[in-house]
Amino acid sequence: MYYVYVLLSKTDKKFYTGFTKDLNNRFEAHNAGLVKSTKERRPLILVYYEACLSQADATKREKYLKTYWGKHYIKNRLKTYLTG
């Protein structure tokens, strides 16, 4: 399985979207500062993920979630969580 995930930065309140084969280790790497793109945005919270059967599906989904419409989809999915 491959996972597409969305992290929320507690520092700047922005999302980070990525994909991985090992979600737990990747999330730990982000919060440990081992990922260049999120190192300065820690701490991070895992707020959303999807499982995909292939890497090709995961990369397509990741690319979609990074678009305007994909970001809109995530914000709608997380509306209750983000507003309390």
N, C-alpha and C. Protein backbone atom coordinates (compact mmCIF):
# COMPACT_ATOMS: atom_id res chain seq x y z
N MET A 1 0.83 -1.19 0.00
CA MET A 1 0.00 0.00 0.00
C MET A 1 0.88 1.25 0.00
N TYR A 2 0.37 2.28 -0.63
CA TYR A 2 1.00 3.60 -0.62
C TYR A 2 0.00 4.56 0.00
N TYR A 3 0.50 5.56 0.67
CA TYR A 3 -0.36 6.50 1.37
C TYR A 3 -0.11 7.92 0.90
N VAL A 4 -1.19 8.62 0.65
CA VAL A 4 -1.15 10.05 0.37
C VAL A 4 -1.58 10.70 1.68
N TYR A 5 -0.82 11.68 2.14
CA TYR A 5 -1.11 12.25 3.45
C TYR A 5 -1.06 13.77 3.42
N VAL A 6 -1.75 14.35 4.37
CA VAL A 6 -1.75 15.81 4.52
C VAL A 6 -1.38 16.11 5.97
N LEU A 7 -0.38 16.96 6.12
CA LEU A 7 0.06 17.42 7.43
C LEU A 7 -0.35 18.87 7.61
N LEU A 8 -0.65 19.24 8.83
CA LEU A 8 -0.95 20.62 9.16
C LEU A 8 0.15 21.14 10.07
N SER A 9 0.75 22.25 9.68
CA SER A 9 1.80 22.86 10.48
C SER A 9 1.17 23.69 11.59
N LYS A 10 1.59 23.43 12.82
CA LYS A 10 1.11 24.25 13.93
C LYS A 10 1.78 25.62 13.92
N THR A 11 2.88 25.76 13.22
CA THR A 11 3.62 27.01 13.15
C THR A 11 2.96 28.01 12.20
N ASP A 12 2.74 27.60 10.95
CA ASP A 12 2.18 28.53 9.96
C ASP A 12 0.75 28.20 9.54
N LYS A 13 0.17 27.16 10.12
CA LYS A 13 -1.23 26.75 9.85
C LYS A 13 -1.48 26.39 8.39
N LYS A 14 -0.44 25.97 7.68
CA LYS A 14 -0.57 25.57 6.28
C LYS A 14 -0.43 24.07 6.15
N PHE A 15 -0.93 23.55 5.03
CA PHE A 15 -0.88 22.12 4.75
C PHE A 15 0.39 21.73 4.00
N TYR A 16 0.80 20.50 4.20
CA TYR A 16 1.85 19.88 3.40
C TYR A 16 1.27 18.55 2.93
N THR A 17 1.38 18.26 1.64
CA THR A 17 0.86 17.03 1.06
C THR A 17 2.00 16.21 0.49
N GLY A 18 1.98 14.90 0.75
CA GLY A 18 3.01 14.01 0.23
C GLY A 18 2.48 12.60 0.09
N PHE A 19 3.35 11.69 -0.34
CA PHE A 19 2.97 10.28 -0.38
C PHE A 19 4.16 9.44 0.08
N THR A 20 3.84 8.24 0.56
CA THR A 20 4.87 7.36 1.09
C THR A 20 4.37 5.93 1.13
N LYS A 21 5.29 5.02 1.28
CA LYS A 21 4.94 3.62 1.46
C LYS A 21 4.81 3.28 2.96
N ASP A 22 5.49 4.04 3.80
CA ASP A 22 5.48 3.80 5.25
C ASP A 22 5.05 5.08 5.96
N LEU A 23 3.79 5.19 6.23
CA LEU A 23 3.22 6.42 6.78
C LEU A 23 3.78 6.77 8.15
N ASN A 24 3.88 5.81 9.04
CA ASN A 24 4.38 6.09 10.39
C ASN A 24 5.81 6.63 10.38
N ASN A 25 6.70 5.96 9.66
CA ASN A 25 8.09 6.42 9.61
C ASN A 25 8.22 7.78 8.94
N ARG A 26 7.44 8.01 7.90
CA ARG A 26 7.51 9.30 7.20
C ARG A 26 7.02 10.43 8.11
N PHE A 27 5.95 10.19 8.85
CA PHE A 27 5.44 11.20 9.76
C PHE A 27 6.47 11.51 10.86
N GLU A 28 7.09 10.48 11.38
CA GLU A 28 8.14 10.67 12.39
C GLU A 28 9.32 11.46 11.81
N ALA A 29 9.68 11.18 10.56
CA ALA A 29 10.78 11.89 9.91
C ALA A 29 10.44 13.38 9.76
N HIS A 30 9.21 13.68 9.41
CA HIS A 30 8.78 15.08 9.29
C HIS A 30 8.93 15.78 10.63
N ASN A 31 8.43 15.19 11.69
CA ASN A 31 8.46 15.84 13.00
C ASN A 31 9.84 15.84 13.65
N ALA A 32 10.74 14.99 13.17
CA ALA A 32 12.11 14.97 13.69
C ALA A 32 12.98 16.00 12.96
N GLY A 33 12.43 16.64 11.93
CA GLY A 33 13.19 17.64 11.18
C GLY A 33 14.08 17.04 10.11
N LEU A 34 13.82 15.82 9.70
CA LEU A 34 14.63 15.14 8.69
C LEU A 34 14.16 15.41 7.26
N VAL A 35 13.04 16.10 7.11
CA VAL A 35 12.51 16.41 5.79
C VAL A 35 12.70 17.91 5.56
N LYS A 36 13.50 18.23 4.55
CA LYS A 36 13.90 19.61 4.29
C LYS A 36 12.71 20.56 4.14
N SER A 37 11.68 20.12 3.43
CA SER A 37 10.56 21.01 3.12
C SER A 37 9.67 21.34 4.32
N THR A 38 9.75 20.56 5.38
CA THR A 38 8.91 20.82 6.55
C THR A 38 9.71 21.08 7.82
N LYS A 39 11.01 21.08 7.71
CA LYS A 39 11.87 21.22 8.89
C LYS A 39 11.55 22.48 9.69
N GLU A 40 11.34 23.60 9.02
CA GLU A 40 11.09 24.87 9.70
C GLU A 40 9.61 25.08 10.05
N ARG A 41 8.77 24.11 9.71
CA ARG A 41 7.33 24.25 9.92
C ARG A 41 6.82 23.37 11.05
N ARG A 42 7.71 22.75 11.78
CA ARG A 42 7.33 21.86 12.88
C ARG A 42 6.77 22.64 14.06
N PRO A 43 5.94 22.03 14.89
CA PRO A 43 5.44 20.65 14.84
C PRO A 43 4.33 20.50 13.80
N LEU A 44 4.15 19.27 13.36
CA LEU A 44 3.16 18.94 12.34
C LEU A 44 2.17 17.92 12.89
N ILE A 45 0.95 18.01 12.39
CA ILE A 45 -0.10 17.07 12.78
C ILE A 45 -0.58 16.36 11.52
N LEU A 46 -0.72 15.05 11.60
CA LEU A 46 -1.30 14.30 10.49
C LEU A 46 -2.82 14.48 10.56
N VAL A 47 -3.39 15.15 9.55
CA VAL A 47 -4.82 15.45 9.59
C VAL A 47 -5.63 14.65 8.57
N TYR A 48 -4.95 14.01 7.61
CA TYR A 48 -5.69 13.29 6.58
C TYR A 48 -4.76 12.33 5.86
N TYR A 49 -5.27 11.16 5.51
CA TYR A 49 -4.51 10.26 4.65
C TYR A 49 -5.46 9.35 3.88
N GLU A 50 -4.98 8.85 2.76
CA GLU A 50 -5.70 7.90 1.92
C GLU A 50 -4.75 6.78 1.56
N ALA A 51 -5.25 5.57 1.45
CA ALA A 51 -4.45 4.43 1.03
C ALA A 51 -4.69 4.17 -0.46
N CYS A 52 -3.62 3.88 -1.18
CA CYS A 52 -3.69 3.57 -2.61
C CYS A 52 -3.01 2.23 -2.85
N LEU A 53 -3.45 1.53 -3.87
CA LEU A 53 -2.90 0.21 -4.17
C LEU A 53 -1.57 0.28 -4.91
N SER A 54 -1.30 1.36 -5.62
CA SER A 54 -0.07 1.45 -6.39
C SER A 54 0.57 2.82 -6.22
N GLN A 55 1.85 2.90 -6.51
CA GLN A 55 2.56 4.17 -6.43
C GLN A 55 2.02 5.14 -7.47
N ALA A 56 1.66 4.64 -8.64
CA ALA A 56 1.12 5.50 -9.69
C ALA A 56 -0.18 6.17 -9.23
N ASP A 57 -1.05 5.41 -8.58
CA ASP A 57 -2.29 5.98 -8.06
C ASP A 57 -2.00 7.03 -6.98
N ALA A 58 -1.04 6.73 -6.11
CA ALA A 58 -0.70 7.65 -5.03
C ALA A 58 -0.13 8.96 -5.56
N THR A 59 0.73 8.88 -6.56
CA THR A 59 1.32 10.11 -7.10
C THR A 59 0.27 10.95 -7.83
N LYS A 60 -0.66 10.29 -8.52
CA LYS A 60 -1.74 11.03 -9.19
C LYS A 60 -2.62 11.74 -8.16
N ARG A 61 -2.93 11.03 -7.09
CA ARG A 61 -3.77 11.61 -6.04
C ARG A 61 -3.06 12.77 -5.34
N GLU A 62 -1.77 12.59 -5.08
CA GLU A 62 -0.97 13.66 -4.46
C GLU A 62 -0.98 14.90 -5.34
N LYS A 63 -0.75 14.72 -6.63
CA LYS A 63 -0.75 15.85 -7.55
C LYS A 63 -2.10 16.56 -7.56
N TYR A 64 -3.18 15.78 -7.52
CA TYR A 64 -4.52 16.38 -7.48
C TYR A 64 -4.72 17.19 -6.20
N LEU A 65 -4.34 16.61 -5.06
CA LEU A 65 -4.55 17.29 -3.78
C LEU A 65 -3.72 18.57 -3.65
N LYS A 66 -2.70 18.72 -4.48
CA LYS A 66 -1.89 19.94 -4.46
C LYS A 66 -2.45 21.04 -5.37
N THR A 67 -3.49 20.71 -6.15
CA THR A 67 -4.12 21.70 -7.02
C THR A 67 -5.11 22.55 -6.21
N TYR A 68 -5.61 23.59 -6.83
CA TYR A 68 -6.62 24.43 -6.20
C TYR A 68 -7.82 23.59 -5.76
N TRP A 69 -8.32 22.76 -6.68
CA TRP A 69 -9.51 21.96 -6.37
C TRP A 69 -9.21 20.90 -5.31
N GLY A 70 -8.01 20.36 -5.32
CA GLY A 70 -7.62 19.38 -4.31
C GLY A 70 -7.53 20.00 -2.92
N LYS A 71 -6.98 21.20 -2.85
CA LYS A 71 -6.91 21.91 -1.56
C LYS A 71 -8.30 22.24 -1.06
N HIS A 72 -9.18 22.60 -1.97
CA HIS A 72 -10.57 22.88 -1.62
C HIS A 72 -11.24 21.61 -1.07
N TYR A 73 -10.99 20.48 -1.70
CA TYR A 73 -11.52 19.19 -1.26
C TYR A 73 -11.07 18.89 0.17
N ILE A 74 -9.78 19.06 0.45
CA ILE A 74 -9.24 18.78 1.78
C ILE A 74 -9.86 19.71 2.82
N LYS A 75 -9.96 20.98 2.50
CA LYS A 75 -10.54 21.94 3.45
C LYS A 75 -12.00 21.60 3.75
N ASN A 76 -12.75 21.15 2.74
CA ASN A 76 -14.13 20.74 2.97
C ASN A 76 -14.20 19.48 3.83
N ARG A 77 -13.31 18.52 3.57
CA ARG A 77 -13.27 17.29 4.37
C ARG A 77 -12.95 17.56 5.83
N LEU A 78 -12.10 18.56 6.06
CA LEU A 78 -11.61 18.86 7.40
C LEU A 78 -12.31 20.07 8.04
N LYS A 79 -13.38 20.54 7.43
CA LYS A 79 -14.04 21.76 7.89
C LYS A 79 -14.36 21.72 9.39
N THR A 80 -14.96 20.66 9.87
CA THR A 80 -15.32 20.54 11.28
C THR A 80 -14.07 20.50 12.16
N TYR A 81 -13.08 19.76 11.72
CA TYR A 81 -11.83 19.64 12.50
C TYR A 81 -11.12 20.99 12.62
N LEU A 82 -11.06 21.72 11.52
CA LEU A 82 -10.32 22.97 11.50
C LEU A 82 -11.02 24.10 12.25
N THR A 83 -12.36 24.05 12.32
CA THR A 83 -13.08 25.12 12.98
C THR A 83 -13.40 24.81 14.43
N GLY A 84 -13.19 23.56 14.84
CA GLY A 84 -13.41 23.18 16.24
C GLY A 84 -14.73 22.64 16.43
